[in-house]
Amino acid sequence: MSTQKKAKRSNNTFLELIYNIAIPSIILMKLSGDDYLGSMYALIVALLFPIGYGIYDFIKNKSVNFISLLGFLSTFLTGGIGLFELDVEWLAIKEAAIPLAIGLVVLVSGFWGKPLIAKILLNPLLFNLDLIYETLFNKGKTDEFKAKIHRANHLLSVTFIFSATMNYLLAKWIVVSPAGTTKFNEQLGEMTLLSYPVIAIPSTIMLMAIMFYVVKSVMKLTDLKLEQVLNSEK
Protein backbone atom coordinates (compact mmCIF):
# COMPACT_ATOMS: atom_id res chain seq x y z
CA MET A 1 0.00 0.00 0.00
CA SER A 2 2.83 2.42 0.86
CA THR A 3 4.38 1.86 -2.58
CA GLN A 4 1.10 2.67 -4.25
CA LYS A 5 0.64 5.85 -2.22
CA LYS A 6 4.18 6.95 -2.97
CA ALA A 7 3.62 6.43 -6.69
CA LYS A 8 0.46 8.50 -6.55
CA ARG A 9 2.13 11.34 -4.65
CA SER A 10 5.06 11.50 -7.05
CA ASN A 11 2.79 11.81 -10.09
CA ASN A 12 0.47 14.67 -9.13
CA THR A 13 -0.30 16.00 -12.61
CA PHE A 14 -2.41 18.87 -11.27
CA LEU A 15 0.43 20.27 -9.14
CA GLU A 16 2.90 19.83 -11.99
CA LEU A 17 0.66 21.90 -14.30
CA ILE A 18 0.16 24.57 -11.64
CA TYR A 19 3.83 25.02 -10.71
CA ASN A 20 5.46 24.36 -14.07
CA ILE A 21 3.00 26.00 -16.46
CA ALA A 22 0.18 28.07 -14.94
CA ILE A 23 2.00 30.18 -12.30
CA PRO A 24 5.14 30.93 -14.38
CA SER A 25 2.98 31.87 -17.38
CA ILE A 26 0.80 34.25 -15.37
CA ILE A 27 3.87 35.90 -13.82
CA LEU A 28 5.50 36.40 -17.21
CA MET A 29 2.36 37.79 -18.85
CA LYS A 30 1.06 39.98 -16.00
CA LEU A 31 4.11 41.09 -13.98
CA SER A 32 6.74 41.80 -16.66
CA GLY A 33 5.86 45.48 -17.04
CA ASP A 34 7.99 48.23 -15.51
CA ASP A 35 5.12 49.04 -13.14
CA TYR A 36 5.48 45.60 -11.54
CA LEU A 37 8.57 43.37 -11.42
CA GLY A 38 10.15 44.30 -14.73
CA SER A 39 11.20 41.82 -17.41
CA MET A 40 14.32 40.45 -15.69
CA TYR A 41 12.88 39.96 -12.19
CA ALA A 42 9.61 38.58 -13.55
CA LEU A 43 11.56 35.96 -15.46
CA ILE A 44 13.62 35.08 -12.36
CA VAL A 45 10.52 34.76 -10.16
CA ALA A 46 8.74 32.70 -12.82
CA LEU A 47 11.68 30.32 -13.04
CA LEU A 48 11.71 29.82 -9.26
CA PHE A 49 8.45 27.87 -9.38
CA PRO A 50 9.43 25.02 -11.74
CA ILE A 51 12.91 24.89 -10.20
CA GLY A 52 11.47 24.83 -6.68
CA TYR A 53 9.00 22.10 -7.60
CA GLY A 54 11.79 20.08 -9.20
CA ILE A 55 13.93 20.33 -6.05
CA TYR A 56 10.94 19.35 -3.89
CA ASP A 57 10.24 16.35 -6.10
CA PHE A 58 13.91 15.30 -5.96
CA ILE A 59 14.03 15.53 -2.15
CA LYS A 60 10.78 13.56 -1.82
CA ASN A 61 11.73 10.74 -4.20
CA LYS A 62 15.49 10.62 -3.47
CA SER A 63 16.29 9.98 -7.12
CA VAL A 64 16.91 11.84 -10.38
CA ASN A 65 14.88 10.87 -13.43
CA PHE A 66 16.47 11.41 -16.86
CA ILE A 67 13.41 13.22 -18.22
CA SER A 68 13.19 15.36 -15.06
CA LEU A 69 16.84 16.29 -15.54
CA LEU A 70 16.07 17.45 -19.08
CA GLY A 71 13.21 19.50 -17.64
CA PHE A 72 15.65 21.26 -15.28
CA LEU A 73 17.98 21.91 -18.21
CA SER A 74 15.11 23.35 -20.22
CA THR A 75 14.19 25.73 -17.39
CA PHE A 76 17.73 27.00 -16.94
CA LEU A 77 18.24 27.44 -20.69
CA THR A 78 15.02 29.44 -20.97
CA GLY A 79 16.18 31.69 -18.13
CA GLY A 80 19.61 32.10 -19.71
CA ILE A 81 18.16 33.14 -23.07
CA GLY A 82 16.08 35.84 -21.41
CA LEU A 83 18.63 37.08 -18.87
CA PHE A 84 21.54 37.21 -21.33
CA GLU A 85 19.30 38.58 -24.09
CA LEU A 86 20.29 35.98 -26.68
CA ASP A 87 18.71 35.79 -30.12
CA VAL A 88 15.16 34.38 -29.90
CA GLU A 89 16.12 31.74 -32.48
CA TRP A 90 17.91 29.98 -29.61
CA LEU A 91 14.60 29.69 -27.77
CA ALA A 92 13.01 27.82 -30.69
CA ILE A 93 16.07 25.56 -30.93
CA LYS A 94 16.00 24.88 -27.19
CA GLU A 95 12.26 24.11 -27.24
CA ALA A 96 12.84 21.53 -29.98
CA ALA A 97 16.09 20.12 -28.58
CA ILE A 98 14.68 18.70 -25.32
CA PRO A 99 11.94 16.43 -26.76
CA LEU A 100 14.17 15.61 -29.74
CA ALA A 101 16.91 14.41 -27.37
CA ILE A 102 14.38 12.24 -25.52
CA GLY A 103 13.09 10.85 -28.81
CA LEU A 104 16.61 9.93 -29.91
CA VAL A 105 17.31 8.25 -26.56
CA VAL A 106 14.09 6.23 -26.93
CA LEU A 107 15.02 5.25 -30.50
CA VAL A 108 18.60 4.27 -29.64
CA SER A 109 17.43 2.24 -26.63
CA GLY A 110 15.58 -0.03 -29.06
CA PHE A 111 18.73 -0.69 -31.08
CA TRP A 112 20.55 -1.53 -27.84
CA GLY A 113 17.99 -4.22 -27.16
CA LYS A 114 16.57 -2.41 -24.13
CA PRO A 115 13.60 -0.38 -25.44
CA LEU A 116 12.80 2.42 -23.04
CA ILE A 117 9.08 1.94 -23.47
CA ALA A 118 9.38 -1.44 -21.72
CA LYS A 119 10.58 0.35 -18.57
CA ILE A 120 7.88 2.99 -18.88
CA LEU A 121 4.82 0.87 -19.64
CA LEU A 122 5.65 -2.63 -18.41
CA ASN A 123 5.31 -1.64 -14.78
CA PRO A 124 4.50 -4.33 -12.17
CA LEU A 125 2.11 -1.85 -10.55
CA LEU A 126 0.06 -1.85 -13.75
CA PHE A 127 0.54 -5.29 -15.29
CA ASN A 128 0.60 -8.84 -13.99
CA LEU A 129 4.03 -9.35 -15.53
CA ASP A 130 4.69 -12.81 -14.05
CA LEU A 131 1.53 -14.22 -15.62
CA ILE A 132 2.11 -12.39 -18.91
CA TYR A 133 5.71 -13.55 -19.36
CA GLU A 134 4.90 -17.11 -18.29
CA THR A 135 1.99 -17.32 -20.74
CA LEU A 136 4.06 -15.85 -23.59
CA PHE A 137 6.82 -18.40 -22.93
CA ASN A 138 4.41 -21.35 -22.81
CA LYS A 139 2.79 -20.27 -26.08
CA GLY A 140 6.12 -19.59 -27.79
CA LYS A 141 5.14 -15.96 -28.36
CA THR A 142 8.02 -14.24 -26.53
CA ASP A 143 9.88 -13.16 -29.69
CA GLU A 144 6.68 -11.89 -31.27
CA PHE A 145 5.94 -9.90 -28.13
CA LYS A 146 9.43 -8.37 -28.23
CA ALA A 147 8.79 -7.31 -31.83
CA LYS A 148 5.56 -5.59 -30.75
CA ILE A 149 7.42 -3.76 -27.97
CA HIS A 150 10.08 -2.58 -30.44
CA ARG A 151 7.34 -1.26 -32.73
CA ALA A 152 5.72 0.55 -29.79
CA ASN A 153 9.14 1.98 -28.90
CA HIS A 154 9.45 3.42 -32.42
CA LEU A 155 5.98 4.95 -32.08
CA LEU A 156 7.01 6.53 -28.77
CA SER A 157 10.06 8.02 -30.46
CA VAL A 158 7.81 9.48 -33.18
CA THR A 159 5.67 11.06 -30.44
CA PHE A 160 8.66 12.98 -29.07
CA ILE A 161 9.76 13.99 -32.57
CA PHE A 162 6.26 15.36 -33.14
CA SER A 163 6.55 17.29 -29.88
CA ALA A 164 9.95 18.69 -30.93
CA THR A 165 8.56 19.88 -34.26
CA MET A 166 5.51 21.51 -32.68
CA ASN A 167 7.65 23.14 -29.97
CA TYR A 168 9.89 24.71 -32.60
CA LEU A 169 6.99 25.96 -34.74
CA LEU A 170 5.12 27.34 -31.71
CA ALA A 171 8.20 29.19 -30.44
CA LYS A 172 8.89 30.66 -33.91
CA TRP A 173 5.28 31.74 -34.27
CA ILE A 174 4.72 33.35 -30.86
CA VAL A 175 8.07 34.55 -29.47
CA VAL A 176 9.28 37.21 -31.90
CA SER A 177 10.36 40.02 -29.53
CA PRO A 178 13.99 40.45 -28.43
CA ALA A 179 15.00 38.52 -25.31
CA GLY A 180 15.15 40.54 -22.10
CA THR A 181 12.18 42.74 -23.00
CA THR A 182 8.72 42.83 -21.45
CA LYS A 183 7.17 41.63 -24.70
CA PHE A 184 9.53 38.65 -24.77
CA ASN A 185 8.39 37.57 -21.29
CA GLU A 186 4.73 38.03 -22.20
CA GLN A 187 5.15 35.98 -25.37
CA LEU A 188 7.10 33.34 -23.46
CA GLY A 189 4.20 33.02 -21.01
CA GLU A 190 1.71 32.80 -23.87
CA MET A 191 3.81 30.10 -25.55
CA THR A 192 3.99 28.11 -22.31
CA LEU A 193 0.22 28.21 -21.87
CA LEU A 194 -0.48 27.25 -25.48
CA SER A 195 2.04 24.43 -25.37
CA TYR A 196 -0.37 22.41 -23.23
CA PRO A 197 -3.40 22.28 -25.57
CA VAL A 198 -1.31 22.42 -28.76
CA ILE A 199 1.42 19.93 -27.83
CA ALA A 200 0.81 18.16 -24.52
CA ILE A 201 -2.75 17.00 -25.21
CA PRO A 202 -2.02 15.53 -28.69
CA SER A 203 1.14 13.90 -27.29
CA THR A 204 -0.88 12.42 -24.41
CA ILE A 205 -3.45 11.04 -26.86
CA MET A 206 -0.60 9.46 -28.86
CA LEU A 207 0.84 7.92 -25.67
CA MET A 208 -2.59 6.54 -24.74
CA ALA A 209 -2.86 5.02 -28.23
CA ILE A 210 0.55 3.35 -27.76
CA MET A 211 -0.58 2.06 -24.36
CA PHE A 212 -3.73 0.65 -25.96
CA TYR A 213 -1.61 -1.00 -28.68
CA VAL A 214 0.61 -2.70 -26.08
CA VAL A 215 -2.35 -3.94 -24.02
CA LYS A 216 -4.18 -5.28 -27.08
CA SER A 217 -0.99 -6.98 -28.27
CA VAL A 218 -0.54 -8.69 -24.89
CA MET A 219 -4.17 -9.85 -24.85
CA LYS A 220 -3.96 -11.16 -28.43
CA LEU A 221 -0.68 -13.04 -27.92
CA THR A 222 -1.59 -14.54 -24.53
CA ASP A 223 -5.38 -14.98 -24.92
CA LEU A 224 -5.67 -13.44 -21.46
CA LYS A 225 -8.54 -11.18 -20.49
CA LEU A 226 -8.02 -7.54 -19.57
CA GLU A 227 -8.55 -8.16 -15.86
CA GLN A 228 -5.87 -10.87 -16.00
CA VAL A 229 -3.39 -8.64 -17.84
CA LEU A 230 -3.81 -5.72 -15.47
CA ASN A 231 -2.53 -6.04 -11.92
CA SER A 232 -5.85 -5.31 -10.23
CA GLU A 233 -4.52 -6.09 -6.76
CA LYS A 234 -2.03 -3.18 -6.96
C-alpha atoms as a PDB file:
ATOM      1  CA  MET A   1       0.000   0.000   0.000  1.00  0.00           C
ATOM      2  CA  SER A   2       2.831   2.419   0.858  1.00  0.00           C
ATOM      3  CA  THR A   3       4.382   1.859  -2.580  1.00  0.00           C
ATOM      4  CA  GLN A   4       1.095   2.667  -4.246  1.00  0.00           C
ATOM      5  CA  LYS A   5       0.635   5.852  -2.221  1.00  0.00           C
ATOM      6  CA  LYS A   6       4.178   6.952  -2.969  1.00  0.00           C
ATOM      7  CA  ALA A   7       3.618   6.426  -6.691  1.00  0.00           C
ATOM      8  CA  LYS A   8       0.463   8.501  -6.554  1.00  0.00           C
ATOM      9  CA  ARG A   9       2.130  11.339  -4.654  1.00  0.00           C
ATOM     10  CA  SER A  10       5.060  11.502  -7.051  1.00  0.00           C
ATOM     11  CA  ASN A  11       2.790  11.808 -10.092  1.00  0.00           C
ATOM     12  CA  ASN A  12       0.470  14.672  -9.133  1.00  0.00           C
ATOM     13  CA  THR A  13      -0.295  16.000 -12.609  1.00  0.00           C
ATOM     14  CA  PHE A  14      -2.412  18.874 -11.268  1.00  0.00           C
ATOM     15  CA  LEU A  15       0.429  20.269  -9.141  1.00  0.00           C
ATOM     16  CA  GLU A  16       2.900  19.831 -11.993  1.00  0.00           C
ATOM     17  CA  LEU A  17       0.655  21.898 -14.297  1.00  0.00           C
ATOM     18  CA  ILE A  18       0.160  24.571 -11.641  1.00  0.00           C
ATOM     19  CA  TYR A  19       3.832  25.025 -10.709  1.00  0.00           C
ATOM     20  CA  ASN A  20       5.461  24.359 -14.069  1.00  0.00           C
ATOM     21  CA  ILE A  21       2.995  26.002 -16.462  1.00  0.00           C
ATOM     22  CA  ALA A  22       0.184  28.074 -14.938  1.00  0.00           C
ATOM     23  CA  ILE A  23       1.997  30.181 -12.302  1.00  0.00           C
ATOM     24  CA  PRO A  24       5.139  30.925 -14.377  1.00  0.00           C
ATOM     25  CA  SER A  25       2.985  31.871 -17.382  1.00  0.00           C
ATOM     26  CA  ILE A  26       0.800  34.247 -15.366  1.00  0.00           C
ATOM     27  CA  ILE A  27       3.870  35.903 -13.824  1.00  0.00           C
ATOM     28  CA  LEU A  28       5.501  36.401 -17.214  1.00  0.00           C
ATOM     29  CA  MET A  29       2.362  37.790 -18.847  1.00  0.00           C
ATOM     30  CA  LYS A  30       1.060  39.977 -16.002  1.00  0.00           C
ATOM     31  CA  LEU A  31       4.109  41.092 -13.976  1.00  0.00           C
ATOM     32  CA  SER A  32       6.737  41.798 -16.658  1.00  0.00           C
ATOM     33  CA  GLY A  33       5.861  45.480 -17.044  1.00  0.00           C
ATOM     34  CA  ASP A  34       7.989  48.229 -15.510  1.00  0.00           C
ATOM     35  CA  ASP A  35       5.119  49.042 -13.138  1.00  0.00           C
ATOM     36  CA  TYR A  36       5.484  45.603 -11.544  1.00  0.00           C
ATOM     37  CA  LEU A  37       8.570  43.373 -11.424  1.00  0.00           C
ATOM     38  CA  GLY A  38      10.153  44.301 -14.729  1.00  0.00           C
ATOM     39  CA  SER A  39      11.198  41.823 -17.406  1.00  0.00           C
ATOM     40  CA  MET A  40      14.321  40.452 -15.695  1.00  0.00           C
ATOM     41  CA  TYR A  41      12.883  39.962 -12.195  1.00  0.00           C
ATOM     42  CA  ALA A  42       9.608  38.581 -13.554  1.00  0.00           C
ATOM     43  CA  LEU A  43      11.564  35.965 -15.459  1.00  0.00           C
ATOM     44  CA  ILE A  44      13.622  35.079 -12.359  1.00  0.00           C
ATOM     45  CA  VAL A  45      10.517  34.758 -10.158  1.00  0.00           C
ATOM     46  CA  ALA A  46       8.737  32.702 -12.822  1.00  0.00           C
ATOM     47  CA  LEU A  47      11.684  30.319 -13.035  1.00  0.00           C
ATOM     48  CA  LEU A  48      11.710  29.819  -9.257  1.00  0.00           C
ATOM     49  CA  PHE A  49       8.452  27.868  -9.376  1.00  0.00           C
ATOM     50  CA  PRO A  50       9.431  25.019 -11.739  1.00  0.00           C
ATOM     51  CA  ILE A  51      12.911  24.894 -10.200  1.00  0.00           C
ATOM     52  CA  GLY A  52      11.465  24.828  -6.682  1.00  0.00           C
ATOM     53  CA  TYR A  53       8.996  22.096  -7.603  1.00  0.00           C
ATOM     54  CA  GLY A  54      11.790  20.076  -9.203  1.00  0.00           C
ATOM     55  CA  ILE A  55      13.926  20.328  -6.045  1.00  0.00           C
ATOM     56  CA  TYR A  56      10.939  19.355  -3.894  1.00  0.00           C
ATOM     57  CA  ASP A  57      10.236  16.346  -6.099  1.00  0.00           C
ATOM     58  CA  PHE A  58      13.907  15.304  -5.957  1.00  0.00           C
ATOM     59  CA  ILE A  59      14.028  15.533  -2.147  1.00  0.00           C
ATOM     60  CA  LYS A  60      10.781  13.563  -1.817  1.00  0.00           C
ATOM     61  CA  ASN A  61      11.730  10.737  -4.197  1.00  0.00           C
ATOM     62  CA  LYS A  62      15.489  10.615  -3.469  1.00  0.00           C
ATOM     63  CA  SER A  63      16.292   9.978  -7.125  1.00  0.00           C
ATOM     64  CA  VAL A  64      16.907  11.837 -10.378  1.00  0.00           C
ATOM     65  CA  ASN A  65      14.885  10.871 -13.429  1.00  0.00           C
ATOM     66  CA  PHE A  66      16.470  11.414 -16.861  1.00  0.00           C
ATOM     67  CA  ILE A  67      13.412  13.216 -18.216  1.00  0.00           C
ATOM     68  CA  SER A  68      13.195  15.362 -15.055  1.00  0.00           C
ATOM     69  CA  LEU A  69      16.844  16.291 -15.536  1.00  0.00           C
ATOM     70  CA  LEU A  70      16.067  17.449 -19.076  1.00  0.00           C
ATOM     71  CA  GLY A  71      13.212  19.499 -17.636  1.00  0.00           C
ATOM     72  CA  PHE A  72      15.648  21.257 -15.284  1.00  0.00           C
ATOM     73  CA  LEU A  73      17.975  21.911 -18.210  1.00  0.00           C
ATOM     74  CA  SER A  74      15.105  23.347 -20.216  1.00  0.00           C
ATOM     75  CA  THR A  75      14.186  25.726 -17.388  1.00  0.00           C
ATOM     76  CA  PHE A  76      17.727  27.001 -16.938  1.00  0.00           C
ATOM     77  CA  LEU A  77      18.240  27.443 -20.690  1.00  0.00           C
ATOM     78  CA  THR A  78      15.023  29.441 -20.973  1.00  0.00           C
ATOM     79  CA  GLY A  79      16.178  31.688 -18.134  1.00  0.00           C
ATOM     80  CA  GLY A  80      19.605  32.098 -19.707  1.00  0.00           C
ATOM     81  CA  ILE A  81      18.159  33.137 -23.070  1.00  0.00           C
ATOM     82  CA  GLY A  82      16.084  35.836 -21.411  1.00  0.00           C
ATOM     83  CA  LEU A  83      18.629  37.081 -18.865  1.00  0.00           C
ATOM     84  CA  PHE A  84      21.539  37.210 -21.328  1.00  0.00           C
ATOM     85  CA  GLU A  85      19.297  38.578 -24.095  1.00  0.00           C
ATOM     86  CA  LEU A  86      20.291  35.984 -26.676  1.00  0.00           C
ATOM     87  CA  ASP A  87      18.711  35.787 -30.123  1.00  0.00           C
ATOM     88  CA  VAL A  88      15.156  34.384 -29.905  1.00  0.00           C
ATOM     89  CA  GLU A  89      16.123  31.739 -32.479  1.00  0.00           C
ATOM     90  CA  TRP A  90      17.908  29.978 -29.614  1.00  0.00           C
ATOM     91  CA  LEU A  91      14.603  29.685 -27.771  1.00  0.00           C
ATOM     92  CA  ALA A  92      13.014  27.816 -30.686  1.00  0.00           C
ATOM     93  CA  ILE A  93      16.072  25.558 -30.933  1.00  0.00           C
ATOM     94  CA  LYS A  94      15.997  24.880 -27.192  1.00  0.00           C
ATOM     95  CA  GLU A  95      12.264  24.106 -27.240  1.00  0.00           C
ATOM     96  CA  ALA A  96      12.836  21.529 -29.978  1.00  0.00           C
ATOM     97  CA  ALA A  97      16.093  20.118 -28.579  1.00  0.00           C
ATOM     98  CA  ILE A  98      14.684  18.697 -25.323  1.00  0.00           C
ATOM     99  CA  PRO A  99      11.936  16.430 -26.765  1.00  0.00           C
ATOM    100  CA  LEU A 100      14.171  15.613 -29.738  1.00  0.00           C
ATOM    101  CA  ALA A 101      16.905  14.413 -27.370  1.00  0.00           C
ATOM    102  CA  ILE A 102      14.385  12.240 -25.518  1.00  0.00           C
ATOM    103  CA  GLY A 103      13.085  10.849 -28.810  1.00  0.00           C
ATOM    104  CA  LEU A 104      16.609   9.925 -29.912  1.00  0.00           C
ATOM    105  CA  VAL A 105      17.310   8.247 -26.564  1.00  0.00           C
ATOM    106  CA  VAL A 106      14.091   6.230 -26.933  1.00  0.00           C
ATOM    107  CA  LEU A 107      15.018   5.248 -30.502  1.00  0.00           C
ATOM    108  CA  VAL A 108      18.595   4.271 -29.636  1.00  0.00           C
ATOM    109  CA  SER A 109      17.427   2.243 -26.635  1.00  0.00           C
ATOM    110  CA  GLY A 110      15.583  -0.026 -29.058  1.00  0.00           C
ATOM    111  CA  PHE A 111      18.729  -0.685 -31.080  1.00  0.00           C
ATOM    112  CA  TRP A 112      20.550  -1.533 -27.838  1.00  0.00           C
ATOM    113  CA  GLY A 113      17.987  -4.221 -27.156  1.00  0.00           C
ATOM    114  CA  LYS A 114      16.569  -2.413 -24.128  1.00  0.00           C
ATOM    115  CA  PRO A 115      13.595  -0.380 -25.435  1.00  0.00           C
ATOM    116  CA  LEU A 116      12.798   2.425 -23.038  1.00  0.00           C
ATOM    117  CA  ILE A 117       9.075   1.936 -23.471  1.00  0.00           C
ATOM    118  CA  ALA A 118       9.377  -1.439 -21.720  1.00  0.00           C
ATOM    119  CA  LYS A 119      10.578   0.354 -18.572  1.00  0.00           C
ATOM    120  CA  ILE A 120       7.881   2.994 -18.884  1.00  0.00           C
ATOM    121  CA  LEU A 121       4.819   0.872 -19.644  1.00  0.00           C
ATOM    122  CA  LEU A 122       5.647  -2.627 -18.412  1.00  0.00           C
ATOM    123  CA  ASN A 123       5.306  -1.635 -14.783  1.00  0.00           C
ATOM    124  CA  PRO A 124       4.502  -4.330 -12.165  1.00  0.00           C
ATOM    125  CA  LEU A 125       2.115  -1.847 -10.545  1.00  0.00           C
ATOM    126  CA  LEU A 126       0.056  -1.855 -13.753  1.00  0.00           C
ATOM    127  CA  PHE A 127       0.540  -5.285 -15.293  1.00  0.00           C
ATOM    128  CA  ASN A 128       0.598  -8.836 -13.990  1.00  0.00           C
ATOM    129  CA  LEU A 129       4.031  -9.352 -15.532  1.00  0.00           C
ATOM    130  CA  ASP A 130       4.693 -12.809 -14.048  1.00  0.00           C
ATOM    131  CA  LEU A 131       1.528 -14.219 -15.624  1.00  0.00           C
ATOM    132  CA  ILE A 132       2.114 -12.389 -18.907  1.00  0.00           C
ATOM    133  CA  TYR A 133       5.709 -13.548 -19.355  1.00  0.00           C
ATOM    134  CA  GLU A 134       4.905 -17.109 -18.291  1.00  0.00           C
ATOM    135  CA  THR A 135       1.993 -17.317 -20.744  1.00  0.00           C
ATOM    136  CA  LEU A 136       4.062 -15.850 -23.585  1.00  0.00           C
ATOM    137  CA  PHE A 137       6.817 -18.397 -22.929  1.00  0.00           C
ATOM    138  CA  ASN A 138       4.405 -21.348 -22.805  1.00  0.00           C
ATOM    139  CA  LYS A 139       2.788 -20.268 -26.084  1.00  0.00           C
ATOM    140  CA  GLY A 140       6.117 -19.594 -27.787  1.00  0.00           C
ATOM    141  CA  LYS A 141       5.139 -15.956 -28.361  1.00  0.00           C
ATOM    142  CA  THR A 142       8.024 -14.241 -26.531  1.00  0.00           C
ATOM    143  CA  ASP A 143       9.882 -13.156 -29.689  1.00  0.00           C
ATOM    144  CA  GLU A 144       6.679 -11.888 -31.272  1.00  0.00           C
ATOM    145  CA  PHE A 145       5.937  -9.897 -28.131  1.00  0.00           C
ATOM    146  CA  LYS A 146       9.430  -8.368 -28.226  1.00  0.00           C
ATOM    147  CA  ALA A 147       8.793  -7.306 -31.833  1.00  0.00           C
ATOM    148  CA  LYS A 148       5.563  -5.593 -30.745  1.00  0.00           C
ATOM    149  CA  ILE A 149       7.416  -3.763 -27.967  1.00  0.00           C
ATOM    150  CA  HIS A 150      10.075  -2.576 -30.438  1.00  0.00           C
ATOM    151  CA  ARG A 151       7.342  -1.261 -32.729  1.00  0.00           C
ATOM    152  CA  ALA A 152       5.718   0.548 -29.795  1.00  0.00           C
ATOM    153  CA  ASN A 153       9.136   1.983 -28.903  1.00  0.00           C
ATOM    154  CA  HIS A 154       9.447   3.420 -32.424  1.00  0.00           C
ATOM    155  CA  LEU A 155       5.980   4.952 -32.084  1.00  0.00           C
ATOM    156  CA  LEU A 156       7.006   6.526 -28.771  1.00  0.00           C
ATOM    157  CA  SER A 157      10.059   8.023 -30.461  1.00  0.00           C
ATOM    158  CA  VAL A 158       7.812   9.482 -33.176  1.00  0.00           C
ATOM    159  CA  THR A 159       5.672  11.064 -30.439  1.00  0.00           C
ATOM    160  CA  PHE A 160       8.660  12.979 -29.068  1.00  0.00           C
ATOM    161  CA  ILE A 161       9.762  13.993 -32.574  1.00  0.00           C
ATOM    162  CA  PHE A 162       6.255  15.363 -33.144  1.00  0.00           C
ATOM    163  CA  SER A 163       6.548  17.286 -29.877  1.00  0.00           C
ATOM    164  CA  ALA A 164       9.953  18.693 -30.926  1.00  0.00           C
ATOM    165  CA  THR A 165       8.560  19.876 -34.263  1.00  0.00           C
ATOM    166  CA  MET A 166       5.513  21.507 -32.684  1.00  0.00           C
ATOM    167  CA  ASN A 167       7.649  23.143 -29.974  1.00  0.00           C
ATOM    168  CA  TYR A 168       9.889  24.706 -32.605  1.00  0.00           C
ATOM    169  CA  LEU A 169       6.994  25.964 -34.741  1.00  0.00           C
ATOM    170  CA  LEU A 170       5.119  27.337 -31.709  1.00  0.00           C
ATOM    171  CA  ALA A 171       8.198  29.190 -30.441  1.00  0.00           C
ATOM    172  CA  LYS A 172       8.891  30.658 -33.906  1.00  0.00           C
ATOM    173  CA  TRP A 173       5.279  31.735 -34.273  1.00  0.00           C
ATOM    174  CA  ILE A 174       4.718  33.352 -30.863  1.00  0.00           C
ATOM    175  CA  VAL A 175       8.073  34.548 -29.466  1.00  0.00           C
ATOM    176  CA  VAL A 176       9.277  37.209 -31.896  1.00  0.00           C
ATOM    177  CA  SER A 177      10.361  40.024 -29.534  1.00  0.00           C
ATOM    178  CA  PRO A 178      13.991  40.447 -28.429  1.00  0.00           C
ATOM    179  CA  ALA A 179      15.001  38.521 -25.306  1.00  0.00           C
ATOM    180  CA  GLY A 180      15.145  40.542 -22.103  1.00  0.00           C
ATOM    181  CA  THR A 181      12.177  42.742 -23.005  1.00  0.00           C
ATOM    182  CA  THR A 182       8.719  42.834 -21.449  1.00  0.00           C
ATOM    183  CA  LYS A 183       7.171  41.633 -24.703  1.00  0.00           C
ATOM    184  CA  PHE A 184       9.534  38.647 -24.770  1.00  0.00           C
ATOM    185  CA  ASN A 185       8.393  37.566 -21.292  1.00  0.00           C
ATOM    186  CA  GLU A 186       4.730  38.027 -22.195  1.00  0.00           C
ATOM    187  CA  GLN A 187       5.149  35.981 -25.371  1.00  0.00           C
ATOM    188  CA  LEU A 188       7.103  33.343 -23.455  1.00  0.00           C
ATOM    189  CA  GLY A 189       4.201  33.020 -21.011  1.00  0.00           C
ATOM    190  CA  GLU A 190       1.713  32.799 -23.872  1.00  0.00           C
ATOM    191  CA  MET A 191       3.811  30.097 -25.545  1.00  0.00           C
ATOM    192  CA  THR A 192       3.991  28.113 -22.309  1.00  0.00           C
ATOM    193  CA  LEU A 193       0.220  28.212 -21.871  1.00  0.00           C
ATOM    194  CA  LEU A 194      -0.477  27.255 -25.484  1.00  0.00           C
ATOM    195  CA  SER A 195       2.043  24.426 -25.371  1.00  0.00           C
ATOM    196  CA  TYR A 196      -0.371  22.414 -23.226  1.00  0.00           C
ATOM    197  CA  PRO A 197      -3.404  22.275 -25.565  1.00  0.00           C
ATOM    198  CA  VAL A 198      -1.314  22.417 -28.762  1.00  0.00           C
ATOM    199  CA  ILE A 199       1.423  19.930 -27.832  1.00  0.00           C
ATOM    200  CA  ALA A 200       0.814  18.164 -24.521  1.00  0.00           C
ATOM    201  CA  ILE A 201      -2.749  16.998 -25.215  1.00  0.00           C
ATOM    202  CA  PRO A 202      -2.016  15.531 -28.687  1.00  0.00           C
ATOM    203  CA  SER A 203       1.136  13.896 -27.285  1.00  0.00           C
ATOM    204  CA  THR A 204      -0.881  12.425 -24.410  1.00  0.00           C
ATOM    205  CA  ILE A 205      -3.446  11.041 -26.859  1.00  0.00           C
ATOM    206  CA  MET A 206      -0.601   9.460 -28.860  1.00  0.00           C
ATOM    207  CA  LEU A 207       0.839   7.924 -25.671  1.00  0.00           C
ATOM    208  CA  MET A 208      -2.586   6.537 -24.738  1.00  0.00           C
ATOM    209  CA  ALA A 209      -2.858   5.019 -28.229  1.00  0.00           C
ATOM    210  CA  ILE A 210       0.549   3.348 -27.760  1.00  0.00           C
ATOM    211  CA  MET A 211      -0.576   2.058 -24.358  1.00  0.00           C
ATOM    212  CA  PHE A 212      -3.731   0.645 -25.959  1.00  0.00           C
ATOM    213  CA  TYR A 213      -1.615  -0.999 -28.680  1.00  0.00           C
ATOM    214  CA  VAL A 214       0.609  -2.701 -26.081  1.00  0.00           C
ATOM    215  CA  VAL A 215      -2.347  -3.937 -24.019  1.00  0.00           C
ATOM    216  CA  LYS A 216      -4.177  -5.276 -27.082  1.00  0.00           C
ATOM    217  CA  SER A 217      -0.991  -6.980 -28.269  1.00  0.00           C
ATOM    218  CA  VAL A 218      -0.541  -8.690 -24.892  1.00  0.00           C
ATOM    219  CA  MET A 219      -4.166  -9.852 -24.849  1.00  0.00           C
ATOM    220  CA  LYS A 220      -3.963 -11.160 -28.428  1.00  0.00           C
ATOM    221  CA  LEU A 221      -0.683 -13.039 -27.920  1.00  0.00           C
ATOM    222  CA  THR A 222      -1.586 -14.541 -24.533  1.00  0.00           C
ATOM    223  CA  ASP A 223      -5.376 -14.984 -24.922  1.00  0.00           C
ATOM    224  CA  LEU A 224      -5.666 -13.441 -21.456  1.00  0.00           C
ATOM    225  CA  LYS A 225      -8.539 -11.177 -20.486  1.00  0.00           C
ATOM    226  CA  LEU A 226      -8.016  -7.538 -19.571  1.00  0.00           C
ATOM    227  CA  GLU A 227      -8.552  -8.162 -15.859  1.00  0.00           C
ATOM    228  CA  GLN A 228      -5.870 -10.873 -16.003  1.00  0.00           C
ATOM    229  CA  VAL A 229      -3.392  -8.643 -17.836  1.00  0.00           C
ATOM    230  CA  LEU A 230      -3.812  -5.725 -15.471  1.00  0.00           C
ATOM    231  CA  ASN A 231      -2.532  -6.039 -11.916  1.00  0.00           C
ATOM    232  CA  SER A 232      -5.850  -5.314 -10.227  1.00  0.00           C
ATOM    233  CA  GLU A 233      -4.517  -6.088  -6.760  1.00  0.00           C
ATOM    234  CA  LYS A 234      -2.030  -3.178  -6.964  1.00  0.00           C
END
